[in-house]
Each structure stands twice: as structure tokens, then as C-alpha cells.
């Protein structure tokens, strides 16, 4: 009887061992399938040197961006420090230049034949005359800026004064084109 118990025990152990082995085989197959599935997509292999070069480029780009931002902030602060005007760069960027408006209006109203008839041939100036003309233009512009800075209305509300100036210039250009 002892022999039969030993045989039963041995058979039971072998069956349990076989079941464990099957379970491990199944897990191994599932793991291999998962690994195969992951490795089917080709991976881009990068060397250590390529990675360090990419990091270096990214760092240099970040430095350049921060340097640019710092310069813009410093320029904005300098523009804000001006006594009377403040920061008018956003306003200047938003408004089109008078020259562009004048060209647009003029091109719409006059055709090229009328322009050719109205323009007179210019006589070239000598070097001394050019210098005198530039000097007088510069003196006139400086005087007008000094006059503007001393103006009480400009000190109170500079944006309103500039807007009215633009309106007046535009109206004067329209009147010149109508005549």
C-alpha cells in the first residue's frame, strides 16, 4: 500500500509540475508576442554624439530667444523712459505711413499721363546746394519738433494731437488732389 501512495504522490507532483510548466510556457509566449509587436515598428537609433549635438543646438536656440526677448524688453523700457511721449512704437506700427496713404490716394485719382504732364523735369543740384538743402530741411524739422514739445496740448494728450495732425495732413492731400 505504501507503494501505491508513493505512486499517487509522484503522479500528482508530476501533474502539478506539468501544469506549472504549461502556465510558464503560455506566459512566455504572450511575453514574446508583446515584444515582437513592439519591435515591429522600426526604431530610430541615435548615437550619443547625435543626442549631445541636438541638446547643444536646442540650448543655443533657447539662449538666442532669451537674448532677443531681453533686448526687446530693454528697448521697450528705454522708449517708456522718454519724458513726454512714452512708448509709441505700438501706435506707430499700427498706423500706416502717410507716404503710403498719399501714394494710394494719388494712384487711384490720377493716371500716368496726367502725372507726366504735371511733373517738371528736375535740374540736378550741385554738391553744395544739396548740402544746403539738407541742412535747411534738418533745421526746419528740429524747429518743428521743438515747437511740438513746447506745445501745451501735446503735453496734455499727445495721441490726440498726433491723430489730428494725421487727419489734417490727409485732408490737405485730398484737397491738393482735387485741384
N, C-alpha and C. Protein backbone atom coordinates (compact mmCIF):
# COMPACT_ATOMS: atom_id res chain seq x y z
N UNK A 1 0.80 -1.17 0.00
CA UNK A 1 0.00 0.00 0.00
C UNK A 1 0.87 1.26 0.00
N UNK A 2 1.93 1.19 0.60
CA UNK A 2 2.82 2.32 0.64
C UNK A 2 3.31 2.66 -0.73
N UNK A 3 3.47 1.59 -1.53
CA UNK A 3 3.93 1.82 -2.87
C UNK A 3 2.89 2.57 -3.68
N UNK A 4 1.65 2.28 -3.54
CA UNK A 4 0.61 2.96 -4.29
C UNK A 4 0.49 4.41 -3.86
N UNK A 5 0.66 4.70 -2.59
CA UNK A 5 0.59 6.08 -2.15
C UNK A 5 1.73 6.89 -2.74
N UNK A 6 2.92 6.25 -2.79
CA UNK A 6 4.07 6.94 -3.36
C UNK A 6 3.83 7.22 -4.84
N UNK A 7 3.26 6.26 -5.54
CA UNK A 7 2.98 6.44 -6.97
C UNK A 7 1.97 7.58 -7.19
N UNK A 8 0.95 7.63 -6.33
CA UNK A 8 -0.07 8.67 -6.46
C UNK A 8 0.56 10.03 -6.19
N UNK A 9 1.38 10.06 -5.14
CA UNK A 9 2.03 11.32 -4.82
C UNK A 9 2.96 11.76 -5.96
N UNK A 10 3.70 10.83 -6.49
CA UNK A 10 4.63 11.14 -7.58
C UNK A 10 3.86 11.61 -8.81
N UNK A 11 2.75 10.91 -9.10
CA UNK A 11 1.92 11.32 -10.25
C UNK A 11 1.32 12.71 -10.02
N UNK A 12 0.88 12.98 -8.81
CA UNK A 12 0.29 14.28 -8.50
C UNK A 12 1.34 15.39 -8.65
N UNK A 13 2.56 15.11 -8.14
CA UNK A 13 3.62 16.09 -8.28
C UNK A 13 3.95 16.34 -9.74
N UNK A 14 4.00 15.29 -10.51
CA UNK A 14 4.35 15.45 -11.92
C UNK A 14 3.25 16.20 -12.67
N UNK A 15 1.98 15.96 -12.31
CA UNK A 15 0.86 16.68 -12.95
C UNK A 15 0.92 18.16 -12.57
N UNK A 16 1.15 18.46 -11.29
CA UNK A 16 1.26 19.84 -10.85
C UNK A 16 2.45 20.51 -11.53
N UNK A 17 3.56 19.82 -11.62
CA UNK A 17 4.75 20.37 -12.30
C UNK A 17 4.47 20.63 -13.77
N UNK A 18 3.74 19.71 -14.40
CA UNK A 18 3.42 19.89 -15.82
C UNK A 18 2.48 21.09 -16.01
N UNK A 19 1.53 21.27 -15.10
CA UNK A 19 0.60 22.40 -15.18
C UNK A 19 1.36 23.72 -15.00
N UNK A 20 2.30 23.75 -14.04
CA UNK A 20 3.10 24.95 -13.83
C UNK A 20 3.93 25.26 -15.07
N UNK A 21 4.50 24.18 -15.65
CA UNK A 21 5.32 24.37 -16.85
C UNK A 21 4.49 24.92 -18.01
N UNK A 22 3.26 24.40 -18.18
CA UNK A 22 2.37 24.91 -19.23
C UNK A 22 2.03 26.38 -19.01
N UNK A 23 1.76 26.74 -17.76
CA UNK A 23 1.43 28.13 -17.44
C UNK A 23 2.62 29.05 -17.74
N UNK A 24 3.82 28.59 -17.39
CA UNK A 24 5.00 29.39 -17.67
C UNK A 24 5.24 29.51 -19.18
N UNK A 25 5.00 28.44 -19.91
CA UNK A 25 5.16 28.47 -21.37
C UNK A 25 4.18 29.46 -22.00
N UNK A 26 2.94 29.44 -21.51
CA UNK A 26 1.93 30.36 -22.04
C UNK A 26 2.33 31.82 -21.76
N UNK A 27 2.79 32.08 -20.54
CA UNK A 27 3.23 33.44 -20.20
C UNK A 27 4.42 33.86 -21.05
N UNK A 28 5.32 32.92 -21.28
CA UNK A 28 6.49 33.21 -22.12
C UNK A 28 6.08 33.53 -23.56
N UNK A 29 5.11 32.77 -24.08
CA UNK A 29 4.63 33.04 -25.45
C UNK A 29 3.95 34.41 -25.53
N UNK A 30 3.11 34.74 -24.53
CA UNK A 30 2.46 36.04 -24.52
C UNK A 30 3.48 37.17 -24.44
N UNK A 31 4.49 36.97 -23.60
CA UNK A 31 5.54 37.98 -23.47
C UNK A 31 6.29 38.16 -24.79
N UNK A 32 6.59 37.05 -25.45
CA UNK A 32 7.28 37.14 -26.74
C UNK A 32 6.42 37.84 -27.79
N UNK A 33 5.11 37.54 -27.77
CA UNK A 33 4.21 38.20 -28.73
C UNK A 33 4.18 39.70 -28.49
N UNK A 34 4.14 40.08 -27.22
CA UNK A 34 4.16 41.52 -26.91
C UNK A 34 5.47 42.16 -27.35
N UNK A 35 6.57 41.50 -27.09
CA UNK A 35 7.86 42.04 -27.50
C UNK A 35 7.97 42.13 -29.02
N UNK A 36 7.48 41.09 -29.69
CA UNK A 36 7.51 41.11 -31.15
C UNK A 36 6.65 42.26 -31.68
N UNK A 37 5.50 42.44 -31.07
CA UNK A 37 4.61 43.52 -31.50
C UNK A 37 5.28 44.88 -31.33
N UNK A 38 6.01 45.06 -30.25
CA UNK A 38 6.67 46.33 -30.01
C UNK A 38 7.84 46.55 -30.96
N UNK A 39 8.55 45.48 -31.31
CA UNK A 39 9.73 45.65 -32.14
C UNK A 39 9.40 45.66 -33.63
N UNK A 40 8.14 45.48 -34.00
CA UNK A 40 7.80 45.51 -35.41
C UNK A 40 7.96 46.92 -35.99
N UNK A 41 7.71 47.92 -35.16
CA UNK A 41 7.90 49.29 -35.65
C UNK A 41 9.39 49.59 -35.58
N UNK A 42 9.95 50.10 -36.67
CA UNK A 42 11.40 50.36 -36.67
C UNK A 42 11.74 51.55 -35.77
N UNK A 43 12.71 51.35 -34.93
CA UNK A 43 13.12 52.41 -34.02
C UNK A 43 14.29 53.16 -34.64
N UNK A 44 14.27 54.48 -34.46
CA UNK A 44 15.37 55.29 -34.94
C UNK A 44 16.44 55.29 -33.86
N UNK A 45 17.56 54.76 -34.19
CA UNK A 45 18.63 54.72 -33.21
C UNK A 45 19.51 55.94 -33.39
N UNK A 46 19.73 56.63 -32.30
CA UNK A 46 20.59 57.81 -32.33
C UNK A 46 21.79 57.55 -31.44
N UNK A 47 22.91 58.00 -31.91
CA UNK A 47 24.12 57.80 -31.13
C UNK A 47 24.20 58.85 -30.03
N UNK A 48 25.12 58.63 -29.12
CA UNK A 48 25.30 59.56 -28.02
C UNK A 48 25.77 60.91 -28.54
N UNK A 49 26.60 60.89 -29.57
CA UNK A 49 27.12 62.13 -30.15
C UNK A 49 25.98 62.94 -30.78
N UNK A 50 25.07 62.26 -31.50
CA UNK A 50 23.93 62.95 -32.13
C UNK A 50 23.02 63.55 -31.07
N UNK A 51 22.80 62.80 -29.99
CA UNK A 51 21.95 63.32 -28.92
C UNK A 51 22.56 64.57 -28.29
N UNK A 52 23.87 64.54 -28.05
CA UNK A 52 24.51 65.70 -27.42
C UNK A 52 24.50 66.90 -28.38
N UNK A 53 24.67 66.66 -29.68
CA UNK A 53 24.59 67.76 -30.65
C UNK A 53 23.20 68.37 -30.67
N UNK A 54 22.17 67.52 -30.60
CA UNK A 54 20.78 68.02 -30.60
C UNK A 54 20.53 68.86 -29.35
N UNK A 55 21.01 68.38 -28.20
CA UNK A 55 20.85 69.14 -26.96
C UNK A 55 21.56 70.48 -27.04
N UNK A 56 22.76 70.46 -27.63
CA UNK A 56 23.55 71.70 -27.77
C UNK A 56 22.81 72.71 -28.65
N UNK A 57 22.28 72.25 -29.77
CA UNK A 57 21.53 73.14 -30.68
C UNK A 57 20.30 73.71 -29.99
N UNK A 58 19.59 72.87 -29.24
CA UNK A 58 18.41 73.32 -28.52
C UNK A 58 18.77 74.37 -27.48
N UNK A 59 19.87 74.17 -26.79
CA UNK A 59 20.33 75.12 -25.79
C UNK A 59 20.72 76.46 -26.42
N UNK A 60 21.44 76.41 -27.55
CA UNK A 60 21.82 77.64 -28.24
C UNK A 60 20.59 78.40 -28.73
N UNK A 61 19.60 77.66 -29.21
CA UNK A 61 18.36 78.29 -29.67
C UNK A 61 17.65 78.99 -28.51
N UNK A 62 17.61 78.35 -27.37
CA UNK A 62 16.98 78.94 -26.20
C UNK A 62 17.73 80.20 -25.75
N UNK A 63 19.08 80.14 -25.80
CA UNK A 63 19.87 81.32 -25.45
C UNK A 63 19.56 82.49 -26.38
N UNK A 64 19.48 82.20 -27.68
CA UNK A 64 19.20 83.25 -28.66
C UNK A 64 17.82 83.87 -28.41
N UNK A 65 16.83 83.03 -28.11
CA UNK A 65 15.49 83.54 -27.84
C UNK A 65 15.46 84.42 -26.60
N UNK A 66 16.14 84.00 -25.53
CA UNK A 66 16.15 84.80 -24.31
C UNK A 66 16.90 86.11 -24.53
N UNK A 67 17.99 86.07 -25.30
CA UNK A 67 18.74 87.29 -25.59
C UNK A 67 17.87 88.27 -26.37
N UNK A 68 17.12 87.75 -27.35
CA UNK A 68 16.23 88.59 -28.16
C UNK A 68 15.14 89.21 -27.28
N UNK A 69 14.53 88.40 -26.41
CA UNK A 69 13.49 88.91 -25.52
C UNK A 69 14.04 89.99 -24.59
N UNK A 70 15.27 89.78 -24.08
CA UNK A 70 15.87 90.75 -23.18
C UNK A 70 16.12 92.07 -23.90
N UNK A 71 16.60 92.00 -25.15
CA UNK A 71 16.83 93.23 -25.91
C UNK A 71 15.52 93.97 -26.18
N UNK A 72 14.47 93.23 -26.53
CA UNK A 72 13.17 93.86 -26.77
C UNK A 72 12.64 94.53 -25.51
N UNK A 73 12.77 93.85 -24.36
CA UNK A 73 12.32 94.44 -23.10
C UNK A 73 13.10 95.70 -22.77
N UNK A 74 14.42 95.65 -22.99
CA UNK A 74 15.25 96.81 -22.70
C UNK A 74 14.89 97.98 -23.62
N UNK A 75 14.64 97.69 -24.91
CA UNK A 75 14.26 98.75 -25.84
C UNK A 75 12.91 99.36 -25.44
N UNK A 76 11.97 98.51 -25.01
CA UNK A 76 10.66 98.99 -24.59
C UNK A 76 10.79 99.88 -23.35
N UNK A 77 11.63 99.46 -22.41
CA UNK A 77 11.84 100.27 -21.20
C UNK A 77 12.47 101.61 -21.54
N UNK A 78 13.42 101.61 -22.47
CA UNK A 78 14.04 102.87 -22.88
C UNK A 78 13.03 103.79 -23.54
N UNK A 79 12.15 103.22 -24.36
CA UNK A 79 11.12 104.04 -25.01
C UNK A 79 10.15 104.60 -23.98
N UNK A 80 9.86 103.83 -22.92
CA UNK A 80 8.94 104.30 -21.88
C UNK A 80 9.57 105.39 -21.03
N UNK A 81 10.90 105.43 -20.95
CA UNK A 81 11.57 106.42 -20.12
C UNK A 81 11.53 107.81 -20.71
N UNK A 82 11.26 107.94 -22.01
CA UNK A 82 11.24 109.27 -22.60
C UNK A 82 10.16 110.09 -21.90
N UNK A 83 10.49 111.36 -21.62
CA UNK A 83 9.65 112.17 -20.74
C UNK A 83 8.23 112.37 -21.23
N UNK A 84 8.08 112.94 -22.42
CA UNK A 84 6.77 113.39 -22.85
C UNK A 84 5.98 112.29 -23.54
N UNK A 85 6.65 111.53 -24.39
CA UNK A 85 5.93 110.67 -25.32
C UNK A 85 5.56 109.32 -24.73
N UNK A 86 6.47 108.64 -24.08
CA UNK A 86 6.19 107.30 -23.60
C UNK A 86 6.48 106.29 -24.70
N UNK A 87 5.80 105.18 -24.69
CA UNK A 87 6.04 104.13 -25.68
C UNK A 87 5.02 104.25 -26.81
N UNK A 88 5.44 104.82 -27.93
CA UNK A 88 4.55 104.99 -29.09
C UNK A 88 4.82 103.99 -30.18
N UNK A 89 5.74 103.04 -29.95
CA UNK A 89 6.06 102.07 -31.01
C UNK A 89 4.83 101.26 -31.42
N UNK A 90 4.02 100.76 -30.49
CA UNK A 90 2.82 100.03 -30.92
C UNK A 90 1.89 100.89 -31.78
N UNK A 91 1.77 102.17 -31.41
CA UNK A 91 0.93 103.07 -32.18
C UNK A 91 1.51 103.29 -33.57
N UNK A 92 2.83 103.47 -33.63
CA UNK A 92 3.49 103.69 -34.92
C UNK A 92 3.37 102.45 -35.81
N UNK A 93 3.48 101.28 -35.22
CA UNK A 93 3.35 100.05 -36.01
C UNK A 93 1.93 99.86 -36.52
N UNK A 94 0.94 100.29 -35.74
CA UNK A 94 -0.45 100.08 -36.12
C UNK A 94 -0.88 101.02 -37.24
N UNK A 95 -0.33 102.24 -37.27
CA UNK A 95 -0.75 103.21 -38.27
C UNK A 95 0.06 103.04 -39.55
N UNK A 96 -0.59 103.16 -40.71
CA UNK A 96 0.18 103.16 -41.95
C UNK A 96 0.89 104.50 -42.11
N UNK A 97 1.96 104.51 -42.86
CA UNK A 97 2.70 105.77 -43.01
C UNK A 97 1.93 106.71 -43.93
N UNK A 98 2.14 108.00 -43.75
CA UNK A 98 1.47 109.00 -44.58
C UNK A 98 1.87 108.87 -46.03
N UNK A 99 3.12 108.49 -46.26
CA UNK A 99 3.61 108.34 -47.63
C UNK A 99 2.81 107.25 -48.36
N UNK A 100 2.54 106.13 -47.68
CA UNK A 100 1.77 105.05 -48.30
C UNK A 100 0.34 105.50 -48.62
N UNK A 101 -0.29 106.21 -47.68
CA UNK A 101 -1.65 106.69 -47.90
C UNK A 101 -1.68 107.67 -49.06
N UNK A 102 -0.70 108.56 -49.08
CA UNK A 102 -0.64 109.57 -50.14
C UNK A 102 -0.47 108.90 -51.51
N UNK A 103 0.42 107.92 -51.59
CA UNK A 103 0.63 107.21 -52.86
C UNK A 103 -0.63 106.47 -53.30
N UNK A 104 -1.32 105.86 -52.35
CA UNK A 104 -2.53 105.12 -52.66
C UNK A 104 -3.61 106.03 -53.21
N UNK A 105 -3.83 107.16 -52.55
CA UNK A 105 -4.85 108.12 -53.00
C UNK A 105 -4.47 108.70 -54.36
N UNK A 106 -3.22 109.04 -54.51
CA UNK A 106 -2.77 109.66 -55.75
C UNK A 106 -2.88 108.69 -56.92
N UNK A 107 -2.53 107.44 -56.70
CA UNK A 107 -2.57 106.47 -57.80
C UNK A 107 -4.01 106.17 -58.22
N UNK A 108 -4.94 106.24 -57.28
CA UNK A 108 -6.34 106.00 -57.64
C UNK A 108 -6.91 107.14 -58.48
N UNK A 109 -6.56 108.39 -58.14
CA UNK A 109 -7.22 109.53 -58.76
C UNK A 109 -6.56 109.97 -60.07
N UNK A 110 -5.27 109.78 -60.19
CA UNK A 110 -4.58 110.25 -61.39
C UNK A 110 -4.04 109.07 -62.17
N UNK A 111 -4.13 109.16 -63.48
CA UNK A 111 -3.49 108.13 -64.29
C UNK A 111 -2.10 108.62 -64.68
N UNK A 112 -1.34 107.79 -65.30
CA UNK A 112 0.07 108.09 -65.55
C UNK A 112 0.26 109.27 -66.51
N UNK A 113 -0.66 109.49 -67.46
CA UNK A 113 -0.50 110.59 -68.40
C UNK A 113 -0.64 111.94 -67.69
N UNK A 114 -1.56 112.05 -66.76
CA UNK A 114 -1.72 113.30 -66.01
C UNK A 114 -0.49 113.56 -65.15
N UNK A 115 0.06 112.54 -64.57
CA UNK A 115 1.24 112.70 -63.73
C UNK A 115 2.43 113.18 -64.57
N UNK A 116 2.56 112.63 -65.75
CA UNK A 116 3.68 113.02 -66.61
C UNK A 116 3.54 114.48 -67.03
N UNK A 117 2.32 114.96 -67.26
CA UNK A 117 2.11 116.34 -67.67
C UNK A 117 2.35 117.31 -66.51
N UNK A 118 2.05 116.90 -65.29
CA UNK A 118 2.19 117.79 -64.14
C UNK A 118 3.62 117.89 -63.62
N UNK A 119 4.41 116.84 -63.76
CA UNK A 119 5.76 116.87 -63.20
C UNK A 119 6.70 117.64 -64.11
N UNK A 120 7.54 118.42 -63.50
CA UNK A 120 8.51 119.20 -64.25
C UNK A 120 9.85 118.48 -64.21
N UNK A 121 10.64 118.56 -65.25
CA UNK A 121 11.95 117.92 -65.20
C UNK A 121 12.83 118.64 -64.18
N UNK A 122 13.43 117.89 -63.29
CA UNK A 122 14.23 118.48 -62.22
C UNK A 122 15.66 118.69 -62.69
N UNK A 123 16.20 119.81 -62.31
CA UNK A 123 17.58 120.13 -62.64
C UNK A 123 18.45 119.55 -61.52
N UNK A 124 19.47 118.79 -61.87
CA UNK A 124 20.30 118.21 -60.81
C UNK A 124 21.03 119.30 -60.03
N UNK A 125 21.05 119.11 -58.70
CA UNK A 125 21.68 120.09 -57.82
C UNK A 125 23.17 119.81 -57.68
N UNK A 126 23.92 120.86 -57.43
CA UNK A 126 25.35 120.67 -57.17
C UNK A 126 25.52 120.15 -55.74
N UNK A 127 26.74 119.76 -55.42
CA UNK A 127 27.01 119.19 -54.10
C UNK A 127 26.75 120.20 -53.00
N UNK A 128 27.15 121.45 -53.20
CA UNK A 128 26.94 122.48 -52.18
C UNK A 128 25.45 122.76 -51.99
N UNK A 129 24.71 122.78 -53.09
CA UNK A 129 23.26 123.03 -52.99
C UNK A 129 22.57 121.89 -52.26
N UNK A 130 23.02 120.67 -52.51
CA UNK A 130 22.44 119.52 -51.81
C UNK A 130 22.69 119.63 -50.31
N UNK A 131 23.91 120.01 -49.96
CA UNK A 131 24.26 120.14 -48.55
C UNK A 131 23.42 121.23 -47.89
N UNK A 132 23.27 122.38 -48.57
CA UNK A 132 22.45 123.47 -48.03
C UNK A 132 21.01 123.03 -47.85
N UNK A 133 20.49 122.32 -48.86
CA UNK A 133 19.09 121.87 -48.80
C UNK A 133 18.89 120.91 -47.62
N UNK A 134 19.81 119.96 -47.46
CA UNK A 134 19.71 119.01 -46.33
C UNK A 134 19.79 119.75 -45.00
N UNK A 135 20.70 120.73 -44.92
CA UNK A 135 20.87 121.47 -43.68
C UNK A 135 19.59 122.24 -43.34
N UNK A 136 19.00 122.91 -44.33
CA UNK A 136 17.77 123.68 -44.06
C UNK A 136 16.62 122.75 -43.69
N UNK A 137 16.53 121.60 -44.36
CA UNK A 137 15.49 120.63 -44.00
C UNK A 137 15.67 120.15 -42.57
N UNK A 138 16.91 119.87 -42.18
CA UNK A 138 17.18 119.40 -40.83
C UNK A 138 16.84 120.48 -39.80
N UNK A 139 17.22 121.72 -40.08
CA UNK A 139 16.93 122.81 -39.15
C UNK A 139 15.42 122.99 -39.01
N UNK A 140 14.70 122.92 -40.13
CA UNK A 140 13.24 123.05 -40.08
C UNK A 140 12.60 121.93 -39.27
N UNK A 141 13.08 120.70 -39.46
CA UNK A 141 12.49 119.59 -38.70
C UNK A 141 12.78 119.72 -37.21
N UNK A 142 14.00 120.16 -36.86
CA UNK A 142 14.34 120.35 -35.44
C UNK A 142 13.47 121.44 -34.82
N UNK A 143 13.27 122.52 -35.56
CA UNK A 143 12.42 123.60 -35.05
C UNK A 143 10.99 123.12 -34.84
N UNK A 144 10.49 122.34 -35.80
CA UNK A 144 9.11 121.86 -35.65
C UNK A 144 8.98 120.92 -34.46
N UNK A 145 10.00 120.07 -34.22
CA UNK A 145 9.95 119.18 -33.06
C UNK A 145 10.03 119.97 -31.76
N UNK A 146 10.89 120.99 -31.72
CA UNK A 146 10.96 121.82 -30.51
C UNK A 146 9.64 122.51 -30.24
N UNK A 147 9.02 123.00 -31.32
CA UNK A 147 7.73 123.67 -31.19
C UNK A 147 6.68 122.69 -30.67
N UNK A 148 6.73 121.46 -31.18
CA UNK A 148 5.78 120.43 -30.77
C UNK A 148 5.96 120.08 -29.30
N UNK A 149 7.20 119.93 -28.86
CA UNK A 149 7.46 119.56 -27.46
C UNK A 149 7.01 120.66 -26.51
N UNK A 150 7.14 121.92 -26.92
CA UNK A 150 6.73 123.03 -26.06
C UNK A 150 5.22 123.24 -26.06
N UNK A 151 4.52 122.65 -27.02
CA UNK A 151 3.07 122.84 -27.14
C UNK A 151 2.35 122.27 -25.92
N UNK A 152 1.43 123.04 -25.35
CA UNK A 152 0.69 122.61 -24.15
C UNK A 152 -0.26 121.47 -24.47
N UNK A 153 -0.92 121.54 -25.63
CA UNK A 153 -1.86 120.47 -26.00
C UNK A 153 -1.15 119.14 -26.15
N UNK A 154 0.06 119.17 -26.71
CA UNK A 154 0.82 117.93 -26.89
C UNK A 154 1.23 117.35 -25.54
N UNK A 155 1.55 118.19 -24.60
CA UNK A 155 1.93 117.71 -23.27
C UNK A 155 0.73 117.06 -22.57
N UNK A 156 -0.46 117.61 -22.80
CA UNK A 156 -1.65 117.07 -22.15
C UNK A 156 -2.06 115.73 -22.76
N UNK A 157 -2.18 115.70 -24.10
CA UNK A 157 -2.66 114.48 -24.76
C UNK A 157 -1.94 114.32 -26.10
N UNK A 158 -0.78 113.66 -26.10
CA UNK A 158 -0.01 113.54 -27.34
C UNK A 158 -0.71 112.71 -28.41
N UNK A 159 -1.43 111.69 -28.02
CA UNK A 159 -2.09 110.83 -29.03
C UNK A 159 -3.14 111.61 -29.81
N UNK A 160 -3.89 112.45 -29.12
CA UNK A 160 -4.93 113.23 -29.78
C UNK A 160 -4.31 114.22 -30.77
N UNK A 161 -3.21 114.85 -30.38
CA UNK A 161 -2.54 115.80 -31.26
C UNK A 161 -2.02 115.10 -32.52
N UNK A 162 -1.43 113.93 -32.33
CA UNK A 162 -0.91 113.18 -33.48
C UNK A 162 -2.05 112.77 -34.40
N UNK A 163 -3.17 112.31 -33.82
CA UNK A 163 -4.31 111.91 -34.63
C UNK A 163 -4.86 113.09 -35.42
N UNK A 164 -4.97 114.25 -34.80
CA UNK A 164 -5.48 115.42 -35.51
C UNK A 164 -4.50 115.84 -36.61
N UNK A 165 -3.22 115.72 -36.35
CA UNK A 165 -2.21 116.04 -37.37
C UNK A 165 -2.36 115.12 -38.58
N UNK A 166 -2.54 113.84 -38.32
CA UNK A 166 -2.72 112.88 -39.43
C UNK A 166 -3.98 113.21 -40.21
N UNK A 167 -5.07 113.52 -39.50
CA UNK A 167 -6.31 113.89 -40.19
C UNK A 167 -6.11 115.13 -41.06
N UNK A 168 -5.47 116.15 -40.52
CA UNK A 168 -5.24 117.39 -41.28
C UNK A 168 -4.38 117.14 -42.50
N UNK A 169 -3.32 116.35 -42.36
CA UNK A 169 -2.45 116.04 -43.49
C UNK A 169 -3.24 115.32 -44.58
N UNK A 170 -4.06 114.36 -44.17
CA UNK A 170 -4.84 113.59 -45.13
C UNK A 170 -5.83 114.51 -45.86
N UNK A 171 -6.47 115.42 -45.14
CA UNK A 171 -7.40 116.35 -45.78
C UNK A 171 -6.66 117.29 -46.75
N UNK A 172 -5.48 117.73 -46.37
CA UNK A 172 -4.69 118.60 -47.24
C UNK A 172 -4.30 117.86 -48.52
N UNK A 173 -3.95 116.58 -48.38
CA UNK A 173 -3.60 115.80 -49.57
C UNK A 173 -4.80 115.63 -50.48
N UNK A 174 -5.98 115.41 -49.89
CA UNK A 174 -7.19 115.27 -50.70
C UNK A 174 -7.50 116.56 -51.43
N UNK A 175 -7.34 117.71 -50.75
CA UNK A 175 -7.60 118.99 -51.39
C UNK A 175 -6.61 119.24 -52.52
N UNK A 176 -5.36 118.88 -52.33
CA UNK A 176 -4.35 119.04 -53.39
C UNK A 176 -4.70 118.18 -54.60
N UNK A 177 -5.19 116.96 -54.36
CA UNK A 177 -5.55 116.08 -55.47
C UNK A 177 -6.81 116.56 -56.20
N UNK A 178 -7.73 117.19 -55.48
CA UNK A 178 -8.97 117.68 -56.09
C UNK A 178 -8.67 118.84 -57.03
N UNK A 179 -7.71 119.66 -56.71
CA UNK A 179 -7.40 120.84 -57.53
C UNK A 179 -6.71 120.45 -58.78
